[in-house]
Amino acid sequence: MTNKRICPICNSKMKQQFIGLLHCKCGISYHRDLGYFKRNENMIFVLERKKDR
């Protein structure tokens, strides 16, 4: 399956970080369940969740 999502803001190709989660350089993300959304500075996408002690 190829990534064919285009950013609705800047019309550039979005890159996949995780399955179903795409990102654009301008700050827009796409999730297959949520649709398009703007990322905040406090949003962190990580592979593993670490708990604070």
Protein backbone atom coordinates (compact mmCIF):
# COMPACT_ATOMS: atom_id res chain seq x y z
CA MET A 1 0.00 0.00 0.00
CA THR A 2 1.44 3.36 -0.98
CA ASN A 3 0.99 6.69 0.74
CA LYS A 4 -1.05 8.99 -1.51
CA ARG A 5 -2.22 11.53 1.07
CA ILE A 6 -1.58 15.15 0.17
CA CYS A 7 -1.60 17.86 2.84
CA PRO A 8 -4.71 20.07 2.46
CA ILE A 9 -2.76 23.14 3.69
CA CYS A 10 0.51 23.12 1.70
CA ASN A 11 -0.27 20.44 -0.95
CA SER A 12 2.90 18.45 -0.22
CA LYS A 13 3.09 14.69 0.20
CA MET A 14 2.56 13.47 3.77
CA LYS A 15 5.02 11.01 5.31
CA GLN A 16 4.03 7.96 7.32
CA GLN A 17 5.51 7.58 10.82
CA PHE A 18 3.30 4.75 12.07
CA ILE A 19 0.63 2.67 10.40
CA GLY A 20 -2.34 4.97 9.93
CA LEU A 21 -0.52 8.11 11.12
CA LEU A 22 0.86 10.58 8.57
CA HIS A 23 2.67 13.89 9.08
CA CYS A 24 3.43 16.99 7.02
CA LYS A 25 6.18 19.57 7.56
CA CYS A 26 3.62 22.36 8.03
CA GLY A 27 2.22 20.85 11.26
CA ILE A 28 -0.78 18.92 9.96
CA SER A 29 -1.23 15.23 10.73
CA TYR A 30 -3.69 12.62 9.51
CA HIS A 31 -4.95 9.59 11.39
CA ARG A 32 -7.28 7.14 9.69
CA ASP A 33 -9.75 7.24 12.61
CA LEU A 34 -9.50 10.97 13.47
CA GLY A 35 -8.94 12.57 10.06
CA TYR A 36 -6.78 15.70 9.69
CA PHE A 37 -5.63 17.62 12.77
CA LYS A 38 -3.08 20.30 13.64
CA ARG A 39 -0.24 19.24 15.93
CA ASN A 40 0.54 21.19 19.10
CA GLU A 41 3.99 21.73 20.60
CA ASN A 42 3.14 19.37 23.46
CA MET A 43 2.21 16.44 21.18
CA ILE A 44 4.86 13.74 21.18
CA PHE A 45 4.70 10.66 18.97
CA VAL A 46 6.95 7.90 20.27
CA LEU A 47 7.45 4.20 19.66
CA GLU A 48 7.45 3.30 23.36
CA ARG A 49 5.66 4.83 26.30
CA LYS A 50 7.90 5.49 29.30
CA LYS A 51 6.42 6.00 32.75
CA ASP A 52 7.86 8.56 35.15
CA ARG A 53 9.10 7.14 38.42
